[in-house]
Amino acid sequence: MLEVKNLKFRYNGFEVNASLKVNEREILTLLGPNGSGKTTLLRCVYGILKPRTPCVYLDGKDVHSMDLRERAKNMGYVPQIHHPSFPYTVLEFVVMGRASQISTFESPGGEDYRIAMNALKLVGIENLADKPYTQISGGQLQLALIARALVQNPKAILFDEPTAHLDFKNQIKVLEMIRRITVEKNIATILTLHDPNLAGIYSDRIALVKDGKIYAIGRPEEVLTENELGHVYEMGVRVISVDSFRLVLPVLNKLRNL
């Protein structure tokens, strides 16, 4: 279980303050408007940004007290934006995720490449193994990033806007993959999203984030309500049930009056 207890982090007058829990095989989505603190919270959980006091625990162990190698063995992080800088093959790029599993002066071996290839097969892009990863599409790159996180064999993975810059088909493909690996690999997953409809479909629980704080947290049907979403996004919202899903729509006349 991944647990965040009274996390507090302040910068430039903006403060993030949050507590949450995520169990294995569970997806918790941080949902909220731009500037609400979702990415900052995610970076604090992983340790890219450092709160002053211990507040993030994985199976009871303080994550921020772990060295980089131990943290990488236990927790994966998939950033929102990744800019390929050197034309490694997709397979070589994924093998880099094995760095925490091998000694400092050791090179990846056959077993590391086998694990990386299996990760590519799991996310469905094994046919790209020998292609330079500077030449693949945004959706394929996102799947390669997921594969690289998987070869760490982590207990938890954090995804920052995994559907950003993807078309509709690839948004669904990536979220379906995250759903599948969360369950099959017994992973505790936190992701950030902007779209409440995608959050409602793919999340076990949703945390609405506003002004650096968790405004509400619970199952999608508990959180995706007109009152809760209207308050967080400061706009008129309609929520309609369609085939057991909750469809969130803007109230356009209220938008036009803003």
C-alpha atoms as a PDB file:
ATOM      1  CA  MET A   1       0.000   0.000   0.000  1.00  0.00           C
ATOM      2  CA  LEU A   2       1.132   3.521  -0.823  1.00  0.00           C
ATOM      3  CA  GLU A   3       0.173   6.046   1.849  1.00  0.00           C
ATOM      4  CA  VAL A   4       0.613   9.804   1.999  1.00  0.00           C
ATOM      5  CA  LYS A   5       0.236  11.284   5.496  1.00  0.00           C
ATOM      6  CA  ASN A   6      -0.130  15.042   5.904  1.00  0.00           C
ATOM      7  CA  LEU A   7       2.131  15.922   3.005  1.00  0.00           C
ATOM      8  CA  LYS A   8       2.979  19.621   3.029  1.00  0.00           C
ATOM      9  CA  PHE A   9       5.061  21.437   0.463  1.00  0.00           C
ATOM     10  CA  ARG A  10       5.280  25.183  -0.241  1.00  0.00           C
ATOM     11  CA  TYR A  11       6.889  27.133  -3.061  1.00  0.00           C
ATOM     12  CA  ASN A  12       6.372  30.655  -4.411  1.00  0.00           C
ATOM     13  CA  GLY A  13       3.493  31.169  -1.996  1.00  0.00           C
ATOM     14  CA  PHE A  14       1.616  28.059  -3.212  1.00  0.00           C
ATOM     15  CA  GLU A  15       1.116  25.218  -0.747  1.00  0.00           C
ATOM     16  CA  VAL A  16       0.228  21.586  -1.369  1.00  0.00           C
ATOM     17  CA  ASN A  17      -1.365  19.779   1.567  1.00  0.00           C
ATOM     18  CA  ALA A  18      -2.689  16.240   1.131  1.00  0.00           C
ATOM     19  CA  SER A  19      -3.293  12.805   2.631  1.00  0.00           C
ATOM     20  CA  LEU A  20      -4.323   9.707   0.674  1.00  0.00           C
ATOM     21  CA  LYS A  21      -3.977   5.930   0.419  1.00  0.00           C
ATOM     22  CA  VAL A  22      -3.717   3.636  -2.603  1.00  0.00           C
ATOM     23  CA  ASN A  23      -3.915  -0.150  -2.384  1.00  0.00           C
ATOM     24  CA  GLU A  24      -2.328  -2.625  -4.766  1.00  0.00           C
ATOM     25  CA  ARG A  25      -4.441  -3.296  -7.889  1.00  0.00           C
ATOM     26  CA  GLU A  26      -6.080   0.103  -7.440  1.00  0.00           C
ATOM     27  CA  ILE A  27      -6.011   3.258  -9.573  1.00  0.00           C
ATOM     28  CA  LEU A  28      -6.389   6.587  -7.805  1.00  0.00           C
ATOM     29  CA  THR A  29      -6.767   9.568 -10.144  1.00  0.00           C
ATOM     30  CA  LEU A  30      -5.912  13.136  -9.191  1.00  0.00           C
ATOM     31  CA  LEU A  31      -8.424  15.287 -11.059  1.00  0.00           C
ATOM     32  CA  GLY A  32      -8.623  19.064 -11.141  1.00  0.00           C
ATOM     33  CA  PRO A  33      -8.024  22.226 -13.168  1.00  0.00           C
ATOM     34  CA  ASN A  34      -4.679  23.530 -14.367  1.00  0.00           C
ATOM     35  CA  GLY A  35      -2.619  24.949 -11.529  1.00  0.00           C
ATOM     36  CA  SER A  36      -4.491  23.051  -8.833  1.00  0.00           C
ATOM     37  CA  GLY A  37      -1.344  21.224  -7.664  1.00  0.00           C
ATOM     38  CA  LYS A  38      -1.796  17.755  -9.176  1.00  0.00           C
ATOM     39  CA  THR A  39       1.663  17.475 -10.735  1.00  0.00           C
ATOM     40  CA  THR A  40       3.323  19.073  -7.712  1.00  0.00           C
ATOM     41  CA  LEU A  41       1.627  16.541  -5.448  1.00  0.00           C
ATOM     42  CA  LEU A  42       2.749  13.669  -7.671  1.00  0.00           C
ATOM     43  CA  ARG A  43       6.335  14.939  -7.697  1.00  0.00           C
ATOM     44  CA  CYS A  44       6.281  15.239  -3.918  1.00  0.00           C
ATOM     45  CA  VAL A  45       5.061  11.650  -3.589  1.00  0.00           C
ATOM     46  CA  TYR A  46       7.905  10.375  -5.774  1.00  0.00           C
ATOM     47  CA  GLY A  47      10.516  12.590  -4.166  1.00  0.00           C
ATOM     48  CA  ILE A  48      11.429  14.862  -7.074  1.00  0.00           C
ATOM     49  CA  LEU A  49      10.262  17.611  -4.735  1.00  0.00           C
ATOM     50  CA  LYS A  50      11.075  17.033  -1.071  1.00  0.00           C
ATOM     51  CA  PRO A  51       8.616  17.832   1.724  1.00  0.00           C
ATOM     52  CA  ARG A  52      10.415  18.738   4.935  1.00  0.00           C
ATOM     53  CA  THR A  53       9.074  15.870   7.043  1.00  0.00           C
ATOM     54  CA  PRO A  54       8.493  12.142   6.316  1.00  0.00           C
ATOM     55  CA  CYS A  55       5.049  11.738   4.787  1.00  0.00           C
ATOM     56  CA  VAL A  56       5.130   9.104   2.010  1.00  0.00           C
ATOM     57  CA  TYR A  57       5.167   5.419   2.916  1.00  0.00           C
ATOM     58  CA  LEU A  58       5.211   2.292   0.745  1.00  0.00           C
ATOM     59  CA  ASP A  59       4.261  -0.814   2.713  1.00  0.00           C
ATOM     60  CA  GLY A  60       5.068   1.187   5.832  1.00  0.00           C
ATOM     61  CA  LYS A  61       8.556   2.276   4.746  1.00  0.00           C
ATOM     62  CA  ASP A  62       9.462   5.943   4.327  1.00  0.00           C
ATOM     63  CA  VAL A  63       9.926   6.424   0.574  1.00  0.00           C
ATOM     64  CA  HIS A  64      11.996   9.599   0.891  1.00  0.00           C
ATOM     65  CA  SER A  65      14.531   7.887   3.153  1.00  0.00           C
ATOM     66  CA  MET A  66      15.334   5.404   0.371  1.00  0.00           C
ATOM     67  CA  ASP A  67      18.339   6.064  -1.845  1.00  0.00           C
ATOM     68  CA  LEU A  68      17.664   6.520  -5.558  1.00  0.00           C
ATOM     69  CA  ARG A  69      18.365   2.889  -6.402  1.00  0.00           C
ATOM     70  CA  GLU A  70      16.046   1.497  -3.742  1.00  0.00           C
ATOM     71  CA  ARG A  71      13.309   3.973  -4.639  1.00  0.00           C
ATOM     72  CA  ALA A  72      13.558   3.005  -8.306  1.00  0.00           C
ATOM     73  CA  LYS A  73      13.179  -0.652  -7.348  1.00  0.00           C
ATOM     74  CA  ASN A  74       9.965   0.096  -5.506  1.00  0.00           C
ATOM     75  CA  MET A  75       8.320   2.951  -7.379  1.00  0.00           C
ATOM     76  CA  GLY A  76       8.064   3.928 -11.030  1.00  0.00           C
ATOM     77  CA  TYR A  77       7.430   7.414 -12.382  1.00  0.00           C
ATOM     78  CA  VAL A  78       6.149   8.164 -15.890  1.00  0.00           C
ATOM     79  CA  PRO A  79       6.437  11.898 -16.658  1.00  0.00           C
ATOM     80  CA  GLN A  80       3.963  13.934 -18.662  1.00  0.00           C
ATOM     81  CA  ILE A  81       6.572  15.071 -21.167  1.00  0.00           C
ATOM     82  CA  HIS A  82       9.684  13.221 -22.310  1.00  0.00           C
ATOM     83  CA  HIS A  83      11.954  14.575 -25.024  1.00  0.00           C
ATOM     84  CA  PRO A  84      14.051  11.851 -26.691  1.00  0.00           C
ATOM     85  CA  SER A  85      17.630  13.093 -26.887  1.00  0.00           C
ATOM     86  CA  PHE A  86      19.573  10.211 -28.449  1.00  0.00           C
ATOM     87  CA  PRO A  87      18.389   7.591 -30.966  1.00  0.00           C
ATOM     88  CA  TYR A  88      18.527   4.549 -28.725  1.00  0.00           C
ATOM     89  CA  THR A  89      16.405   1.684 -29.943  1.00  0.00           C
ATOM     90  CA  VAL A  90      13.123   1.221 -28.130  1.00  0.00           C
ATOM     91  CA  LEU A  91      14.509  -1.948 -26.545  1.00  0.00           C
ATOM     92  CA  GLU A  92      17.649  -0.173 -25.322  1.00  0.00           C
ATOM     93  CA  PHE A  93      15.527   2.653 -23.930  1.00  0.00           C
ATOM     94  CA  VAL A  94      13.397   0.190 -21.951  1.00  0.00           C
ATOM     95  CA  VAL A  95      16.455  -1.744 -20.722  1.00  0.00           C
ATOM     96  CA  MET A  96      17.637   1.492 -19.079  1.00  0.00           C
ATOM     97  CA  GLY A  97      14.851   0.960 -16.568  1.00  0.00           C
ATOM     98  CA  ARG A  98      16.813  -2.037 -15.269  1.00  0.00           C
ATOM     99  CA  ALA A  99      19.583   0.223 -13.937  1.00  0.00           C
ATOM    100  CA  SER A 100      18.327  -0.088 -10.352  1.00  0.00           C
ATOM    101  CA  GLN A 101      18.409  -3.890 -10.597  1.00  0.00           C
ATOM    102  CA  ILE A 102      22.057  -4.282 -11.574  1.00  0.00           C
ATOM    103  CA  SER A 103      25.286  -3.257  -9.815  1.00  0.00           C
ATOM    104  CA  THR A 104      26.931   0.093 -10.512  1.00  0.00           C
ATOM    105  CA  PHE A 105      29.722  -1.258 -12.744  1.00  0.00           C
ATOM    106  CA  GLU A 106      27.652  -3.987 -14.414  1.00  0.00           C
ATOM    107  CA  SER A 107      26.178  -3.829 -17.897  1.00  0.00           C
ATOM    108  CA  PRO A 108      22.684  -5.152 -18.709  1.00  0.00           C
ATOM    109  CA  GLY A 109      22.788  -8.854 -19.497  1.00  0.00           C
ATOM    110  CA  GLY A 110      20.676 -11.295 -21.434  1.00  0.00           C
ATOM    111  CA  GLU A 111      18.130 -11.589 -18.625  1.00  0.00           C
ATOM    112  CA  ASP A 112      17.698  -7.815 -18.538  1.00  0.00           C
ATOM    113  CA  TYR A 113      17.005  -7.744 -22.270  1.00  0.00           C
ATOM    114  CA  ARG A 114      14.569 -10.649 -21.923  1.00  0.00           C
ATOM    115  CA  ILE A 115      12.666  -8.777 -19.194  1.00  0.00           C
ATOM    116  CA  ALA A 116      12.626  -5.632 -21.336  1.00  0.00           C
ATOM    117  CA  MET A 117      11.300  -7.525 -24.355  1.00  0.00           C
ATOM    118  CA  ASN A 118       8.578  -9.086 -22.220  1.00  0.00           C
ATOM    119  CA  ALA A 119       7.592  -5.592 -21.046  1.00  0.00           C
ATOM    120  CA  LEU A 120       7.363  -4.449 -24.675  1.00  0.00           C
ATOM    121  CA  LYS A 121       5.170  -7.454 -25.439  1.00  0.00           C
ATOM    122  CA  LEU A 122       2.973  -6.639 -22.461  1.00  0.00           C
ATOM    123  CA  VAL A 123       2.317  -3.106 -23.728  1.00  0.00           C
ATOM    124  CA  GLY A 124       1.967  -4.326 -27.312  1.00  0.00           C
ATOM    125  CA  ILE A 125       4.917  -2.666 -29.072  1.00  0.00           C
ATOM    126  CA  GLU A 126       7.453  -5.500 -29.319  1.00  0.00           C
ATOM    127  CA  ASN A 127       7.499  -4.915 -33.100  1.00  0.00           C
ATOM    128  CA  LEU A 128       9.209  -1.568 -32.397  1.00  0.00           C
ATOM    129  CA  ALA A 129      12.073  -3.066 -30.380  1.00  0.00           C
ATOM    130  CA  ASP A 130      14.764  -2.250 -32.965  1.00  0.00           C
ATOM    131  CA  LYS A 131      13.367   1.128 -34.055  1.00  0.00           C
ATOM    132  CA  PRO A 132      15.007   4.352 -32.813  1.00  0.00           C
ATOM    133  CA  TYR A 133      12.743   5.694 -30.111  1.00  0.00           C
ATOM    134  CA  THR A 134      13.234   9.187 -31.523  1.00  0.00           C
ATOM    135  CA  GLN A 135      11.164   8.043 -34.521  1.00  0.00           C
ATOM    136  CA  ILE A 136       8.056   6.621 -32.855  1.00  0.00           C
ATOM    137  CA  SER A 137       4.713   8.323 -32.326  1.00  0.00           C
ATOM    138  CA  GLY A 138       3.583  10.014 -29.111  1.00  0.00           C
ATOM    139  CA  GLY A 139       1.307   7.125 -28.212  1.00  0.00           C
ATOM    140  CA  GLN A 140       4.056   4.581 -28.846  1.00  0.00           C
ATOM    141  CA  LEU A 141       6.498   6.636 -26.771  1.00  0.00           C
ATOM    142  CA  GLN A 142       4.039   6.684 -23.881  1.00  0.00           C
ATOM    143  CA  LEU A 143       3.795   2.884 -24.059  1.00  0.00           C
ATOM    144  CA  ALA A 144       7.600   2.649 -24.142  1.00  0.00           C
ATOM    145  CA  LEU A 145       7.778   4.806 -21.002  1.00  0.00           C
ATOM    146  CA  ILE A 146       5.297   2.475 -19.303  1.00  0.00           C
ATOM    147  CA  ALA A 147       7.384  -0.537 -20.337  1.00  0.00           C
ATOM    148  CA  ARG A 148      10.513   1.128 -18.929  1.00  0.00           C
ATOM    149  CA  ALA A 149       8.728   1.653 -15.604  1.00  0.00           C
ATOM    150  CA  LEU A 150       7.515  -1.957 -15.580  1.00  0.00           C
ATOM    151  CA  VAL A 151      11.000  -3.494 -15.892  1.00  0.00           C
ATOM    152  CA  GLN A 152      11.795  -1.981 -12.488  1.00  0.00           C
ATOM    153  CA  ASN A 153       9.210  -4.431 -11.101  1.00  0.00           C
ATOM    154  CA  PRO A 154       7.772  -1.652  -8.892  1.00  0.00           C
ATOM    155  CA  LYS A 155       5.137  -1.887  -6.204  1.00  0.00           C
ATOM    156  CA  ALA A 156       3.703   1.492  -7.230  1.00  0.00           C
ATOM    157  CA  ILE A 157       3.729   3.615 -10.395  1.00  0.00           C
ATOM    158  CA  LEU A 158       2.921   7.323 -10.724  1.00  0.00           C
ATOM    159  CA  PHE A 159       1.693   8.623 -14.087  1.00  0.00           C
ATOM    160  CA  ASP A 160       1.640  12.365 -14.765  1.00  0.00           C
ATOM    161  CA  GLU A 161      -0.976  13.076 -17.456  1.00  0.00           C
ATOM    162  CA  PRO A 162      -0.383   9.828 -19.396  1.00  0.00           C
ATOM    163  CA  THR A 163      -2.922  10.872 -22.055  1.00  0.00           C
ATOM    164  CA  ALA A 164      -1.506  14.368 -22.698  1.00  0.00           C
ATOM    165  CA  HIS A 165      -0.987  15.135 -26.397  1.00  0.00           C
ATOM    166  CA  LEU A 166      -2.540  11.822 -27.472  1.00  0.00           C
ATOM    167  CA  ASP A 167      -5.460  11.368 -29.846  1.00  0.00           C
ATOM    168  CA  PHE A 168      -8.689   9.723 -28.697  1.00  0.00           C
ATOM    169  CA  LYS A 169      -7.683   6.203 -29.752  1.00  0.00           C
ATOM    170  CA  ASN A 170      -4.287   6.367 -28.057  1.00  0.00           C
ATOM    171  CA  GLN A 171      -5.782   7.881 -24.886  1.00  0.00           C
ATOM    172  CA  ILE A 172      -7.977   4.806 -24.565  1.00  0.00           C
ATOM    173  CA  LYS A 173      -5.134   2.438 -25.485  1.00  0.00           C
ATOM    174  CA  VAL A 174      -2.820   3.877 -22.845  1.00  0.00           C
ATOM    175  CA  LEU A 175      -5.457   3.934 -20.094  1.00  0.00           C
ATOM    176  CA  GLU A 176      -6.545   0.383 -20.920  1.00  0.00           C
ATOM    177  CA  MET A 177      -2.902  -0.647 -20.578  1.00  0.00           C
ATOM    178  CA  ILE A 178      -2.536   1.112 -17.230  1.00  0.00           C
ATOM    179  CA  ARG A 179      -5.732  -0.567 -16.009  1.00  0.00           C
ATOM    180  CA  ARG A 180      -4.455  -3.991 -17.087  1.00  0.00           C
ATOM    181  CA  ILE A 181      -0.955  -3.766 -15.621  1.00  0.00           C
ATOM    182  CA  THR A 182      -2.305  -2.352 -12.351  1.00  0.00           C
ATOM    183  CA  VAL A 183      -4.387  -5.486 -11.862  1.00  0.00           C
ATOM    184  CA  GLU A 184      -2.063  -8.091 -13.394  1.00  0.00           C
ATOM    185  CA  LYS A 185       1.096  -6.817 -11.672  1.00  0.00           C
ATOM    186  CA  ASN A 186      -0.567  -5.996  -8.318  1.00  0.00           C
ATOM    187  CA  ILE A 187       0.554  -2.366  -8.555  1.00  0.00           C
ATOM    188  CA  ALA A 188      -0.695   0.662  -6.627  1.00  0.00           C
ATOM    189  CA  THR A 189      -1.245   3.343  -9.267  1.00  0.00           C
ATOM    190  CA  ILE A 190      -1.689   7.107  -9.020  1.00  0.00           C
ATOM    191  CA  LEU A 191      -2.276   9.143 -12.146  1.00  0.00           C
ATOM    192  CA  THR A 192      -3.252  12.695 -12.980  1.00  0.00           C
ATOM    193  CA  LEU A 193      -5.893  13.511 -15.580  1.00  0.00           C
ATOM    194  CA  HIS A 194      -7.757  16.538 -16.877  1.00  0.00           C
ATOM    195  CA  ASP A 195     -10.760  14.718 -18.365  1.00  0.00           C
ATOM    196  CA  PRO A 196     -13.408  13.766 -15.755  1.00  0.00           C
ATOM    197  CA  ASN A 197     -15.016  11.316 -18.174  1.00  0.00           C
ATOM    198  CA  LEU A 198     -11.818   9.294 -18.620  1.00  0.00           C
ATOM    199  CA  ALA A 199     -11.235   9.502 -14.873  1.00  0.00           C
ATOM    200  CA  GLY A 200     -14.708   8.099 -14.226  1.00  0.00           C
ATOM    201  CA  ILE A 201     -14.172   5.159 -16.572  1.00  0.00           C
ATOM    202  CA  TYR A 202     -10.681   4.087 -15.517  1.00  0.00           C
ATOM    203  CA  SER A 203     -10.392   5.001 -11.823  1.00  0.00           C
ATOM    204  CA  ASP A 204     -11.237   2.971  -8.748  1.00  0.00           C
ATOM    205  CA  ARG A 205     -11.180   6.208  -6.760  1.00  0.00           C
ATOM    206  CA  ILE A 206     -10.840   9.869  -7.644  1.00  0.00           C
ATOM    207  CA  ALA A 207      -9.333  12.723  -5.635  1.00  0.00           C
ATOM    208  CA  LEU A 208     -10.550  16.168  -6.675  1.00  0.00           C
ATOM    209  CA  VAL A 209      -7.705  18.654  -6.242  1.00  0.00           C
ATOM    210  CA  LYS A 210      -8.271  22.379  -5.803  1.00  0.00           C
ATOM    211  CA  ASP A 211      -5.833  25.064  -4.619  1.00  0.00           C
ATOM    212  CA  GLY A 212      -3.265  22.489  -3.554  1.00  0.00           C
ATOM    213  CA  LYS A 213      -5.680  20.504  -1.380  1.00  0.00           C
ATOM    214  CA  ILE A 214      -7.810  17.409  -1.841  1.00  0.00           C
ATOM    215  CA  TYR A 215     -11.322  18.780  -1.915  1.00  0.00           C
ATOM    216  CA  ALA A 216     -13.063  15.372  -2.137  1.00  0.00           C
ATOM    217  CA  ILE A 217     -11.989  11.739  -2.517  1.00  0.00           C
ATOM    218  CA  GLY A 218     -14.010   8.598  -3.159  1.00  0.00           C
ATOM    219  CA  ARG A 219     -15.423   6.285  -5.807  1.00  0.00           C
ATOM    220  CA  PRO A 220     -16.284   7.921  -9.154  1.00  0.00           C
ATOM    221  CA  GLU A 221     -20.011   7.890  -8.439  1.00  0.00           C
ATOM    222  CA  GLU A 222     -19.382   9.648  -5.121  1.00  0.00           C
ATOM    223  CA  VAL A 223     -17.072  12.331  -6.481  1.00  0.00           C
ATOM    224  CA  LEU A 224     -18.248  13.010 -10.028  1.00  0.00           C
ATOM    225  CA  THR A 225     -21.322  14.986  -9.016  1.00  0.00           C
ATOM    226  CA  GLU A 226     -22.573  18.298 -10.305  1.00  0.00           C
ATOM    227  CA  ASN A 227     -21.963  20.018  -6.977  1.00  0.00           C
ATOM    228  CA  GLU A 228     -18.439  18.681  -6.429  1.00  0.00           C
ATOM    229  CA  LEU A 229     -17.246  19.243  -9.998  1.00  0.00           C
ATOM    230  CA  GLY A 230     -18.955  22.610 -10.232  1.00  0.00           C
ATOM    231  CA  HIS A 231     -17.114  23.788  -7.133  1.00  0.00           C
ATOM    232  CA  VAL A 232     -13.706  22.487  -8.198  1.00  0.00           C
ATOM    233  CA  TYR A 233     -13.882  23.742 -11.787  1.00  0.00           C
ATOM    234  CA  GLU A 234     -15.951  26.852 -10.967  1.00  0.00           C
ATOM    235  CA  MET A 235     -18.400  26.275 -13.804  1.00  0.00           C
ATOM    236  CA  GLY A 236     -21.794  24.792 -14.481  1.00  0.00           C
ATOM    237  CA  VAL A 237     -21.709  21.014 -14.917  1.00  0.00           C
ATOM    238  CA  ARG A 238     -24.276  18.371 -15.861  1.00  0.00           C
ATOM    239  CA  VAL A 239     -23.734  14.721 -14.938  1.00  0.00           C
ATOM    240  CA  ILE A 240     -25.737  12.156 -16.917  1.00  0.00           C
ATOM    241  CA  SER A 241     -25.781   8.361 -16.388  1.00  0.00           C
ATOM    242  CA  VAL A 242     -25.216   6.412 -19.615  1.00  0.00           C
ATOM    243  CA  ASP A 243     -24.933   2.610 -19.521  1.00  0.00           C
ATOM    244  CA  SER A 244     -23.767   2.685 -15.878  1.00  0.00           C
ATOM    245  CA  PHE A 245     -21.157   5.392 -16.650  1.00  0.00           C
ATOM    246  CA  ARG A 246     -21.331   9.002 -15.512  1.00  0.00           C
ATOM    247  CA  LEU A 247     -21.002  11.418 -18.422  1.00  0.00           C
ATOM    248  CA  VAL A 248     -19.832  14.890 -17.430  1.00  0.00           C
ATOM    249  CA  LEU A 249     -20.918  17.807 -19.647  1.00  0.00           C
ATOM    250  CA  PRO A 250     -20.381  21.560 -19.356  1.00  0.00           C
ATOM    251  CA  VAL A 251     -23.358  23.860 -19.010  1.00  0.00           C
ATOM    252  CA  LEU A 252     -22.560  26.087 -21.964  1.00  0.00           C
ATOM    253  CA  ASN A 253     -24.783  29.051 -21.129  1.00  0.00           C
ATOM    254  CA  LYS A 254     -23.008  29.387 -17.778  1.00  0.00           C
ATOM    255  CA  LEU A 255     -19.647  29.184 -19.507  1.00  0.00           C
ATOM    256  CA  ARG A 256     -20.564  31.950 -21.930  1.00  0.00           C
ATOM    257  CA  ASN A 257     -21.575  34.218 -19.045  1.00  0.00           C
ATOM    258  CA  LEU A 258     -18.176  33.956 -17.343  1.00  0.00           C
END
